[in-house]
């Protein structure tokens, strides 16, 4: 088998790399060892990983090589490909910390469904990626294990909460990655790091084994360096799962068939509010230039009003915080996870364990959640937010009667400097203005690079589709990507 150089494998796509391994041009073990070398040489700068599975990854590489040699993975597009997993997705017998002191010693007794599907496809888990604690944050600065830095500029944040996963792909510390998206946590870091990520329709990918932040909003999604790799990963992890009551069976999960360079006849809408006040001028210019490219390729592009999404941020943070308050009540120092060493009685155990085990942002959202669910405020905040959520869904439904895809920015700015927003939660929350409505409405969306600002930081284009029409956004994204490559 031919010797390969480090630089020979790192720029390759997942599909290219898997094809070479199945053809016997390179070995799985060699690719994995090269990937581990990159992590050793680069991760001190970026802090993309909480844990790296060096021994397990090499042992798994040998198993996958045997399966490839026996022809058992001939149809897999991910055979032998190294993948990073966000550290809120359960991995059997391996640390799954949610980047929190509370779960710093937690080793799940089972795999998440997406892990089972990836392993069946022959993917190699290389480690668990850093994140905002319990997925609460937009910068990956709230991690108990320290902030992740943006590979495009180490003084900048990578976005969040899947910042470690996006940064790992951008830094070539992983070929592909899995993140989770509750209000933009796959798409926004992809925008900041200059990579591509998909938030699937709610119910498309099993949430079994995903440690919950807000159960009605969370979805696992792929991160990669291009649209084709994202589509391939989504094709592997999507599908009905009886273990997840919110999993929805659909007619087709063949997303790679949508990798067609053709947007003729597609109707694309741009909400006027998405390109108005609050949007950075350089971001706006890149988004409109991307729309122009699609128009020149045969799509019909026009602006329209979608004013109801202006209420998305307050509705999202009320609902997400309420669900977080409920979901995180299980961490009490009794059953598993961190337990304070000094307490008197059960009440003191609860109070000290939670005070010591959770970080500031998690405590803030839990307190907001407890407040909006409390007697006297339930109708004023929680019920009202539910009504707004329904109105946002209706607004998108009406828009999709006319348009195939909705286009806009992923984030209002490019990546912010580390520390810039951490002390101002409201400013940080407003950074999710273009992403949270997608989760409230349960829609699919993709973020992909569409340019850079004057500082050289990436700008992300977001495409939003109809429920369970991931193929539509993949096709439009792929067509735009092909135009950029040319």
Protein backbone atom coordinates (compact mmCIF):
# COMPACT_ATOMS: atom_id res chain seq x y z
CA UNK A 1 0.00 0.00 0.00
CA UNK A 2 1.44 3.38 -1.02
CA UNK A 3 2.80 5.77 1.60
CA UNK A 4 0.69 8.90 1.86
CA UNK A 5 1.77 12.26 3.14
CA UNK A 6 -0.11 14.21 5.78
CA UNK A 7 -1.20 16.86 3.31
CA UNK A 8 -2.46 14.21 0.89
CA UNK A 9 -5.35 13.18 3.13
CA UNK A 10 -6.34 16.33 5.00
CA UNK A 11 -7.83 18.35 2.12
CA UNK A 12 -9.81 15.38 0.84
CA UNK A 13 -13.56 15.18 1.18
CA UNK A 14 -15.11 12.29 3.07
CA UNK A 15 -16.34 10.78 -0.19
CA UNK A 16 -12.91 10.99 -1.84
CA UNK A 17 -11.17 9.54 1.19
CA UNK A 18 -13.60 6.64 1.55
CA UNK A 19 -13.30 5.84 -2.17
CA UNK A 20 -9.50 5.67 -1.90
CA UNK A 21 -9.67 3.41 1.14
CA UNK A 22 -12.17 1.04 -0.49
CA UNK A 23 -9.98 0.95 -3.61
CA UNK A 24 -6.97 -0.06 -1.50
CA UNK A 25 -4.98 3.07 -2.34
CA UNK A 26 -4.57 3.91 1.36
CA UNK A 27 -5.30 1.99 4.55
CA UNK A 28 -7.87 3.01 7.14
CA UNK A 29 -5.30 2.74 9.91
CA UNK A 30 -2.93 5.07 8.11
CA UNK A 31 -5.63 7.67 7.54
CA UNK A 32 -6.68 7.52 11.21
CA UNK A 33 -3.09 7.82 12.43
CA UNK A 34 -2.54 10.82 10.17
CA UNK A 35 -5.72 12.39 11.53
CA UNK A 36 -4.50 11.85 15.09
CA UNK A 37 -1.17 13.47 14.16
CA UNK A 38 -3.00 16.58 12.99
CA UNK A 39 -4.96 16.73 16.25
CA UNK A 40 -1.76 16.41 18.28
CA UNK A 41 -0.06 19.18 16.32
CA UNK A 42 -3.04 21.58 16.05
CA UNK A 43 -5.49 21.13 18.92
CA UNK A 44 -3.41 22.93 21.52
CA UNK A 45 -4.11 26.09 19.47
CA UNK A 46 -7.84 25.53 18.95
CA UNK A 47 -9.13 23.26 21.77
CA UNK A 48 -11.61 21.50 19.47
CA UNK A 49 -11.74 18.27 21.50
CA UNK A 50 -12.63 17.34 25.07
CA UNK A 51 -11.48 13.74 24.60
CA UNK A 52 -9.51 12.12 21.76
CA UNK A 53 -9.96 8.37 21.28
CA UNK A 54 -6.47 7.49 20.08
CA UNK A 55 -6.31 3.81 21.03
CA UNK A 56 -9.98 3.12 20.33
CA UNK A 57 -9.81 4.85 16.93
CA UNK A 58 -6.77 2.84 15.81
CA UNK A 59 -8.36 -0.42 17.02
CA UNK A 60 -11.58 0.47 15.21
CA UNK A 61 -9.60 1.31 12.05
CA UNK A 62 -8.27 -2.26 11.96
CA UNK A 63 -11.81 -3.63 12.30
CA UNK A 64 -13.12 -1.40 9.52
CA UNK A 65 -10.21 -2.30 7.24
CA UNK A 66 -11.12 -5.97 7.66
CA UNK A 67 -14.74 -5.23 6.76
CA UNK A 68 -13.62 -3.27 3.69
CA UNK A 69 -11.32 -6.10 2.62
CA UNK A 70 -14.22 -8.54 2.96
CA UNK A 71 -16.40 -6.30 0.79
CA UNK A 72 -18.92 -5.67 3.56
CA UNK A 73 -18.75 -1.86 3.31
CA UNK A 74 -18.73 -1.53 -0.47
CA UNK A 75 -21.91 0.58 -0.47
CA UNK A 76 -20.89 2.87 2.42
CA UNK A 77 -19.83 6.41 1.59
CA UNK A 78 -18.29 6.86 5.05
CA UNK A 79 -16.23 3.67 5.40
CA UNK A 80 -13.01 4.51 7.25
CA UNK A 81 -13.73 8.24 7.49
CA UNK A 82 -12.68 9.96 10.78
CA UNK A 83 -15.54 11.83 12.47
CA UNK A 84 -15.76 14.11 15.51
CA UNK A 85 -18.84 13.84 17.73
CA UNK A 86 -20.24 16.71 19.77
CA UNK A 87 -19.91 15.82 23.44
CA UNK A 88 -23.65 15.79 24.17
CA UNK A 89 -24.19 12.69 22.03
CA UNK A 90 -23.92 9.49 24.09
CA UNK A 91 -21.08 7.07 23.36
CA UNK A 92 -21.14 3.77 25.22
CA UNK A 93 -18.43 3.45 27.86
CA UNK A 94 -16.74 6.70 26.79
CA UNK A 95 -16.96 10.09 28.49
CA UNK A 96 -19.92 12.21 27.43
CA UNK A 97 -19.60 15.41 29.42
CA UNK A 98 -21.77 18.06 27.74
CA UNK A 99 -18.71 20.26 28.45
CA UNK A 100 -19.92 20.49 32.06
CA UNK A 101 -18.42 19.77 35.45
CA UNK A 102 -21.78 18.16 36.22
CA UNK A 103 -21.09 15.28 33.78
CA UNK A 104 -17.28 15.29 33.87
CA UNK A 105 -17.26 11.62 35.00
CA UNK A 106 -20.27 10.34 33.03
CA UNK A 107 -19.84 7.29 30.79
CA UNK A 108 -23.16 6.27 29.19
CA UNK A 109 -24.12 2.57 29.19
CA UNK A 110 -25.43 2.83 25.60
CA UNK A 111 -24.78 4.52 22.26
CA UNK A 112 -26.98 7.18 20.71
CA UNK A 113 -28.84 5.88 17.65
CA UNK A 114 -26.74 8.09 15.35
CA UNK A 115 -23.57 6.48 16.72
CA UNK A 116 -24.93 3.01 15.96
CA UNK A 117 -25.71 4.10 12.39
CA UNK A 118 -22.30 5.70 11.85
CA UNK A 119 -20.49 2.64 13.14
CA UNK A 120 -22.59 0.37 10.92
CA UNK A 121 -21.43 2.53 7.99
CA UNK A 122 -17.78 2.09 9.01
CA UNK A 123 -17.09 5.65 10.18
CA UNK A 124 -14.30 6.05 12.75
CA UNK A 125 -15.06 8.17 15.82
CA UNK A 126 -11.90 10.14 16.52
CA UNK A 127 -13.07 11.94 19.66
CA UNK A 128 -15.68 14.10 21.39
CA UNK A 129 -15.82 17.76 20.38
CA UNK A 130 -15.92 20.75 22.70
CA UNK A 131 -19.16 22.74 23.01
CA UNK A 132 -20.97 25.32 25.09
CA UNK A 133 -22.00 23.73 28.39
CA UNK A 134 -25.18 21.69 27.86
CA UNK A 135 -25.39 23.34 24.40
CA UNK A 136 -26.26 26.70 25.99
CA UNK A 137 -24.33 29.41 24.22
CA UNK A 138 -23.39 30.83 20.85
CA UNK A 139 -19.60 31.05 21.18
CA UNK A 140 -18.25 27.82 22.77
CA UNK A 141 -16.90 29.97 25.58
CA UNK A 142 -19.11 28.48 28.31
CA UNK A 143 -17.36 25.07 28.23
CA UNK A 144 -15.99 23.76 31.53
CA UNK A 145 -12.96 22.66 29.48
CA UNK A 146 -12.15 26.13 28.18
CA UNK A 147 -13.13 27.97 25.00
CA UNK A 148 -12.58 26.69 21.47
CA UNK A 149 -10.83 29.13 19.12
CA UNK A 150 -11.71 29.76 15.50
CA UNK A 151 -9.20 28.20 13.07
CA UNK A 152 -9.78 31.13 10.70
CA UNK A 153 -8.48 33.49 13.42
CA UNK A 154 -7.59 32.37 16.93
CA UNK A 155 -8.68 35.68 18.47
CA UNK A 156 -12.24 34.95 17.28
CA UNK A 157 -14.93 32.60 18.61
CA UNK A 158 -15.96 29.62 16.44
CA UNK A 159 -19.64 30.11 17.24
CA UNK A 160 -21.71 27.73 19.24
CA UNK A 161 -22.87 25.60 20.71
CA UNK A 162 -21.31 23.11 18.24
CA UNK A 163 -18.19 25.26 17.97
CA UNK A 164 -15.75 22.43 18.68
CA UNK A 165 -17.25 20.25 15.93
CA UNK A 166 -17.24 23.05 13.34
CA UNK A 167 -13.73 24.18 14.31
CA UNK A 168 -12.44 20.59 14.09
CA UNK A 169 -13.66 20.32 10.50
CA UNK A 170 -12.31 23.79 9.62
CA UNK A 171 -8.92 22.97 11.16
CA UNK A 172 -8.79 19.58 9.37
CA UNK A 173 -8.82 17.90 12.80
CA UNK A 174 -11.76 15.85 11.53
CA UNK A 175 -13.04 15.12 8.04
CA UNK A 176 -16.66 15.34 9.16
CA UNK A 177 -18.49 15.96 12.44
CA UNK A 178 -21.85 15.67 14.16
CA UNK A 179 -23.33 18.59 16.04
CA UNK A 180 -26.72 19.36 17.56
CA UNK A 181 -28.91 22.31 16.65
CA UNK A 182 -31.45 23.76 19.10
CA UNK A 183 -31.54 27.34 17.82
CA UNK A 184 -28.76 27.45 15.24
CA UNK A 185 -26.03 25.51 17.01
CA UNK A 186 -24.91 23.67 13.86
CA UNK A 187 -25.47 26.46 11.35
CA UNK A 188 -24.03 29.47 13.18
CA UNK A 189 -20.61 27.89 13.97
CA UNK A 190 -20.46 26.66 10.38
CA UNK A 191 -20.97 30.26 9.27
CA UNK A 192 -18.24 31.53 11.61
CA UNK A 193 -15.74 28.79 10.68
CA UNK A 194 -16.38 28.68 6.93
CA UNK A 195 -17.74 25.13 6.73
CA UNK A 196 -21.10 23.56 5.83
CA UNK A 197 -23.79 22.17 8.14
CA UNK A 198 -27.36 20.92 7.96
CA UNK A 199 -30.11 21.20 10.56
CA UNK A 200 -32.64 18.51 9.50
CA UNK A 201 -36.41 18.71 9.85
CA UNK A 202 -37.46 17.93 13.42
CA UNK A 203 -38.04 14.17 13.55
CA UNK A 204 -35.74 13.23 10.66
CA UNK A 205 -32.79 12.17 12.82
CA UNK A 206 -33.26 10.20 16.02
CA UNK A 207 -32.71 12.12 19.27
CA UNK A 208 -32.21 8.88 21.20
CA UNK A 209 -28.95 9.35 23.09
CA UNK A 210 -28.77 13.09 22.55
CA UNK A 211 -28.58 14.70 25.99
CA UNK A 212 -31.50 17.11 25.95
CA UNK A 213 -31.36 20.88 26.14
CA UNK A 214 -34.81 21.71 24.73
CA UNK A 215 -36.50 18.50 23.62
CA UNK A 216 -39.00 20.06 21.21
CA UNK A 217 -36.25 21.92 19.33
CA UNK A 218 -33.10 19.73 19.40
CA UNK A 219 -31.89 18.00 16.23
CA UNK A 220 -28.59 16.31 15.39
CA UNK A 221 -27.00 17.43 12.14
CA UNK A 222 -23.83 16.90 10.05
CA UNK A 223 -20.91 19.30 9.58
CA UNK A 224 -18.43 18.98 6.70
CA UNK A 225 -16.35 20.94 4.22
CA UNK A 226 -18.90 20.69 1.42
CA UNK A 227 -22.52 19.95 0.63
CA UNK A 228 -21.93 16.44 -0.75
CA UNK A 229 -20.26 15.23 2.45
CA UNK A 230 -23.09 16.70 4.55
CA UNK A 231 -25.68 14.97 2.38
CA UNK A 232 -23.81 11.67 2.71
CA UNK A 233 -23.64 11.88 6.51
CA UNK A 234 -27.31 12.86 6.73
CA UNK A 235 -28.22 9.90 4.54
CA UNK A 236 -26.52 7.59 7.05
CA UNK A 237 -27.92 9.05 10.28
CA UNK A 238 -31.49 9.87 9.14
CA UNK A 239 -34.33 7.42 9.48
CA UNK A 240 -37.18 6.36 11.72
CA UNK A 241 -36.26 5.12 15.19
CA UNK A 242 -38.84 3.46 17.40
CA UNK A 243 -36.80 4.46 20.47
CA UNK A 244 -37.55 8.14 19.77
CA UNK A 245 -41.22 9.08 20.03
CA UNK A 246 -40.63 12.23 17.96
CA UNK A 247 -39.01 10.31 15.09
CA UNK A 248 -41.07 10.60 11.89
CA UNK A 249 -40.87 8.04 9.05
CA UNK A 250 -40.65 9.62 5.60
CA UNK A 251 -40.72 8.24 2.07
CA UNK A 252 -37.05 8.77 1.22
CA UNK A 253 -33.73 9.44 2.91
CA UNK A 254 -31.71 9.44 -0.31
CA UNK A 255 -30.24 12.91 0.01
CA UNK A 256 -27.23 12.30 -2.22
CA UNK A 257 -29.60 12.06 -5.19
CA UNK A 258 -30.24 15.78 -4.68
CA UNK A 259 -26.61 16.62 -5.54
CA UNK A 260 -27.66 18.05 -8.89
CA UNK A 261 -26.30 21.29 -10.34
CA UNK A 262 -29.62 22.70 -11.49
CA UNK A 263 -31.88 25.40 -10.01
CA UNK A 264 -33.90 26.23 -13.12
CA UNK A 265 -37.50 26.87 -12.14
CA UNK A 266 -36.79 27.00 -8.41
CA UNK A 267 -38.59 29.80 -6.58
CA UNK A 268 -36.47 31.39 -3.87
CA UNK A 269 -37.78 33.96 -1.39
CA UNK A 270 -35.75 36.42 0.69
CA UNK A 271 -37.55 37.83 3.76
CA UNK A 272 -37.07 41.61 3.76
CA UNK A 273 -36.45 41.53 7.49
CA UNK A 274 -33.48 39.21 6.93
CA UNK A 275 -31.59 41.81 4.90
CA UNK A 276 -32.67 44.94 6.78
CA UNK A 277 -31.67 46.70 9.97
CA UNK A 278 -29.11 44.92 12.15
CA UNK A 279 -27.39 43.02 9.35
CA UNK A 280 -23.72 43.79 8.77
CA UNK A 281 -23.26 45.48 5.37
CA UNK A 282 -20.52 43.07 4.26
CA UNK A 283 -22.70 40.11 5.18
CA UNK A 284 -25.63 41.64 3.32
CA UNK A 285 -23.53 42.18 0.19
CA UNK A 286 -22.38 38.54 0.17
CA UNK A 287 -25.92 37.21 0.70
CA UNK A 288 -27.35 39.30 -2.13
CA UNK A 289 -24.43 38.29 -4.37
CA UNK A 290 -25.23 34.62 -3.65
CA UNK A 291 -28.87 35.24 -4.52
CA UNK A 292 -27.74 36.83 -7.78
CA UNK A 293 -25.68 33.74 -8.63
CA UNK A 294 -28.72 31.51 -8.17
CA UNK A 295 -30.85 33.89 -10.22
CA UNK A 296 -28.29 33.79 -13.05
CA UNK A 297 -28.46 29.98 -12.94
CA UNK A 298 -32.19 30.03 -13.61
CA UNK A 299 -33.90 30.42 -10.22
CA UNK A 300 -36.58 33.02 -9.58
CA UNK A 301 -35.51 35.18 -6.63
CA UNK A 302 -37.67 37.80 -4.94
CA UNK A 303 -38.16 39.53 -1.61
CA UNK A 304 -41.24 39.10 0.57
CA UNK A 305 -42.50 39.95 4.05
CA UNK A 306 -42.15 37.50 6.94
CA UNK A 307 -42.55 39.91 9.85
CA UNK A 308 -43.64 37.32 12.42
CA UNK A 309 -40.04 36.06 12.73
CA UNK A 310 -39.22 39.33 14.55
CA UNK A 311 -40.75 37.65 17.61
CA UNK A 312 -38.65 34.51 17.27
CA UNK A 313 -35.88 35.43 19.73
CA UNK A 314 -38.09 36.11 22.79
CA UNK A 315 -40.32 33.12 22.01
CA UNK A 316 -37.31 30.85 21.56
CA UNK A 317 -35.56 31.82 24.77
CA UNK A 318 -38.74 31.48 26.82
CA UNK A 319 -39.49 27.99 25.43
CA UNK A 320 -35.91 26.72 25.35
CA UNK A 321 -35.19 27.93 28.88
CA UNK A 322 -38.42 26.38 30.17
CA UNK A 323 -37.54 23.02 28.66
CA UNK A 324 -33.94 23.30 29.89
CA UNK A 325 -35.16 23.97 33.42
CA UNK A 326 -37.22 20.78 33.26
CA UNK A 327 -34.59 18.63 31.53
CA UNK A 328 -31.70 19.62 33.79
CA UNK A 329 -33.62 18.95 37.01
CA UNK A 330 -32.39 15.34 36.78
CA UNK A 331 -28.84 16.42 37.73
CA UNK A 332 -29.09 16.43 41.51
CA UNK A 333 -26.02 14.57 42.74
CA UNK A 334 -27.97 11.42 43.57
CA UNK A 335 -28.23 9.23 40.48
CA UNK A 336 -25.12 10.04 38.42
CA UNK A 337 -22.72 12.82 37.56
CA UNK A 338 -21.02 15.29 39.90
CA UNK A 339 -21.82 15.28 43.62
CA UNK A 340 -20.65 17.89 46.12
CA UNK A 341 -18.34 16.51 48.82
CA UNK A 342 -19.64 18.69 51.66
CA UNK A 343 -23.35 18.72 52.46
CA UNK A 344 -25.84 18.33 55.30
CA UNK A 345 -29.05 16.62 54.31
CA UNK A 346 -30.74 16.05 50.96
CA UNK A 347 -31.74 19.66 50.33
CA UNK A 348 -28.19 20.86 50.90
CA UNK A 349 -26.90 18.11 48.59
CA UNK A 350 -29.16 19.31 45.78
CA UNK A 351 -28.32 22.97 46.24
CA UNK A 352 -24.54 22.62 46.50
CA UNK A 353 -24.26 20.01 43.75
CA UNK A 354 -26.14 22.17 41.29
CA UNK A 355 -24.42 25.37 42.37
CA UNK A 356 -20.99 23.83 41.94
CA UNK A 357 -21.74 21.60 38.95
CA UNK A 358 -23.35 24.08 36.56
CA UNK A 359 -21.76 27.13 34.94
CA UNK A 360 -23.18 30.64 34.87
CA UNK A 361 -24.98 30.49 31.51
CA UNK A 362 -26.68 27.19 32.38
CA UNK A 363 -27.81 28.59 35.73
CA UNK A 364 -29.12 31.72 34.01
CA UNK A 365 -31.27 29.77 31.56
CA UNK A 366 -32.53 27.37 34.22
CA UNK A 367 -33.62 30.31 36.38
CA UNK A 368 -35.37 31.97 33.42
CA UNK A 369 -37.08 28.67 32.69
CA UNK A 370 -38.21 28.18 36.28
CA UNK A 371 -39.56 31.74 36.30
CA UNK A 372 -41.63 31.47 33.10
CA UNK A 373 -43.09 28.15 34.26
CA UNK A 374 -43.97 29.40 37.72
CA UNK A 375 -47.52 30.04 38.93
CA UNK A 376 -48.66 33.48 37.89
CA UNK A 377 -46.24 33.77 34.95
CA UNK A 378 -47.04 30.59 33.00
CA UNK A 379 -49.76 32.24 30.90
CA UNK A 380 -47.96 35.56 30.57
CA UNK A 381 -44.77 34.02 29.18
CA UNK A 382 -44.80 30.29 28.41
CA UNK A 383 -48.28 30.01 26.88
CA UNK A 384 -47.78 33.23 24.95
CA UNK A 385 -44.48 31.92 23.56
CA UNK A 386 -46.25 28.73 22.43
CA UNK A 387 -48.80 30.84 20.55
CA UNK A 388 -46.01 32.83 18.89
CA UNK A 389 -44.32 29.56 17.91
CA UNK A 390 -47.53 28.46 16.18
CA UNK A 391 -47.77 31.81 14.36
CA UNK A 392 -44.17 31.51 13.16
CA UNK A 393 -44.97 28.05 11.78
CA UNK A 394 -48.03 29.47 10.02
CA UNK A 395 -45.92 32.29 8.56
CA UNK A 396 -43.44 29.83 7.05
CA UNK A 397 -46.25 27.58 5.80
CA UNK A 398 -47.76 30.53 3.95
CA UNK A 399 -44.38 31.50 2.48
CA UNK A 400 -43.79 27.95 1.26
CA UNK A 401 -47.06 28.02 -0.67
CA UNK A 402 -45.15 30.31 -3.05
CA UNK A 403 -41.46 29.49 -2.58
CA UNK A 404 -39.41 26.28 -2.72
CA UNK A 405 -36.58 27.66 -0.59
CA UNK A 406 -36.07 30.71 1.65
CA UNK A 407 -32.66 32.39 1.47
CA UNK A 408 -30.92 34.66 3.96
CA UNK A 409 -27.88 35.07 6.19
CA UNK A 410 -26.98 32.52 8.84
CA UNK A 411 -25.76 35.18 11.29
CA UNK A 412 -25.98 38.99 11.35
CA UNK A 413 -22.19 39.35 11.59
CA UNK A 414 -19.05 37.34 11.06
CA UNK A 415 -17.27 35.78 14.06
CA UNK A 416 -16.88 38.00 17.10
CA UNK A 417 -13.71 38.34 19.11
CA UNK A 418 -13.33 36.07 22.14
CA UNK A 419 -14.83 37.70 25.23
CA UNK A 420 -16.75 40.30 23.21
CA UNK A 421 -20.28 39.09 24.01
CA UNK A 422 -19.84 36.73 26.95
CA UNK A 423 -20.62 39.43 29.51
CA UNK A 424 -23.68 40.63 27.55
CA UNK A 425 -26.16 37.72 27.27
CA UNK A 426 -28.84 39.76 25.46
CA UNK A 427 -26.40 40.76 22.73
CA UNK A 428 -25.28 37.13 22.44
CA UNK A 429 -28.88 35.90 22.18
CA UNK A 430 -29.61 38.37 19.35
CA UNK A 431 -26.87 36.68 17.32
CA UNK A 432 -29.34 33.81 16.78
CA UNK A 433 -31.93 36.05 15.13
CA UNK A 434 -31.83 34.28 11.72
CA UNK A 435 -31.60 30.71 12.99
CA UNK A 436 -34.02 30.18 15.89
CA UNK A 437 -37.22 30.50 13.84
CA UNK A 438 -36.18 27.41 11.86
CA UNK A 439 -36.17 25.34 15.06
CA UNK A 440 -39.45 26.83 16.29
CA UNK A 441 -41.08 25.83 13.00
CA UNK A 442 -39.30 22.43 12.84
CA UNK A 443 -37.86 23.14 9.38
CA UNK A 444 -34.69 21.95 7.61
CA UNK A 445 -31.91 24.46 6.88
CA UNK A 446 -28.35 24.47 5.61
CA UNK A 447 -25.51 26.94 6.13
CA UNK A 448 -22.64 27.11 3.65
CA UNK A 449 -19.87 29.63 2.94
CA UNK A 450 -20.65 32.46 0.54
CA UNK A 451 -17.76 34.87 1.02
CA UNK A 452 -15.53 36.66 3.51
CA UNK A 453 -15.55 40.05 5.18
CA UNK A 454 -12.72 42.60 5.01
CA UNK A 455 -10.97 40.83 7.91
CA UNK A 456 -10.97 37.55 6.01
CA UNK A 457 -13.60 35.93 8.25
CA UNK A 458 -16.20 33.63 6.63
CA UNK A 459 -19.79 34.62 5.84
CA UNK A 460 -22.53 31.98 5.90
CA UNK A 461 -25.50 31.65 3.54
CA UNK A 462 -28.61 29.99 5.01
CA UNK A 463 -31.18 28.13 2.91
CA UNK A 464 -34.44 27.05 4.58
CA UNK A 465 -36.74 24.38 3.17
CA UNK A 466 -40.19 22.91 3.59
CA UNK A 467 -40.64 20.18 6.24
CA UNK A 468 -38.88 16.95 5.19
CA UNK A 469 -37.69 18.60 1.94
CA UNK A 470 -33.99 18.44 2.76
CA UNK A 471 -33.44 17.49 -0.88
CA UNK A 472 -34.57 20.97 -1.99
CA UNK A 473 -32.07 22.87 0.14
CA UNK A 474 -29.30 20.37 -0.67
CA UNK A 475 -29.86 20.82 -4.41
CA UNK A 476 -29.88 24.62 -4.24
CA UNK A 477 -26.85 24.65 -1.92
CA UNK A 478 -24.96 22.24 -4.16
CA UNK A 479 -25.76 24.32 -7.26
CA UNK A 480 -24.50 27.48 -5.55
CA UNK A 481 -21.39 25.68 -4.29
CA UNK A 482 -20.57 24.46 -7.81
CA UNK A 483 -20.83 28.04 -9.09
CA UNK A 484 -18.36 29.19 -6.40
CA UNK A 485 -15.91 26.39 -7.22
CA UNK A 486 -15.96 27.30 -10.90
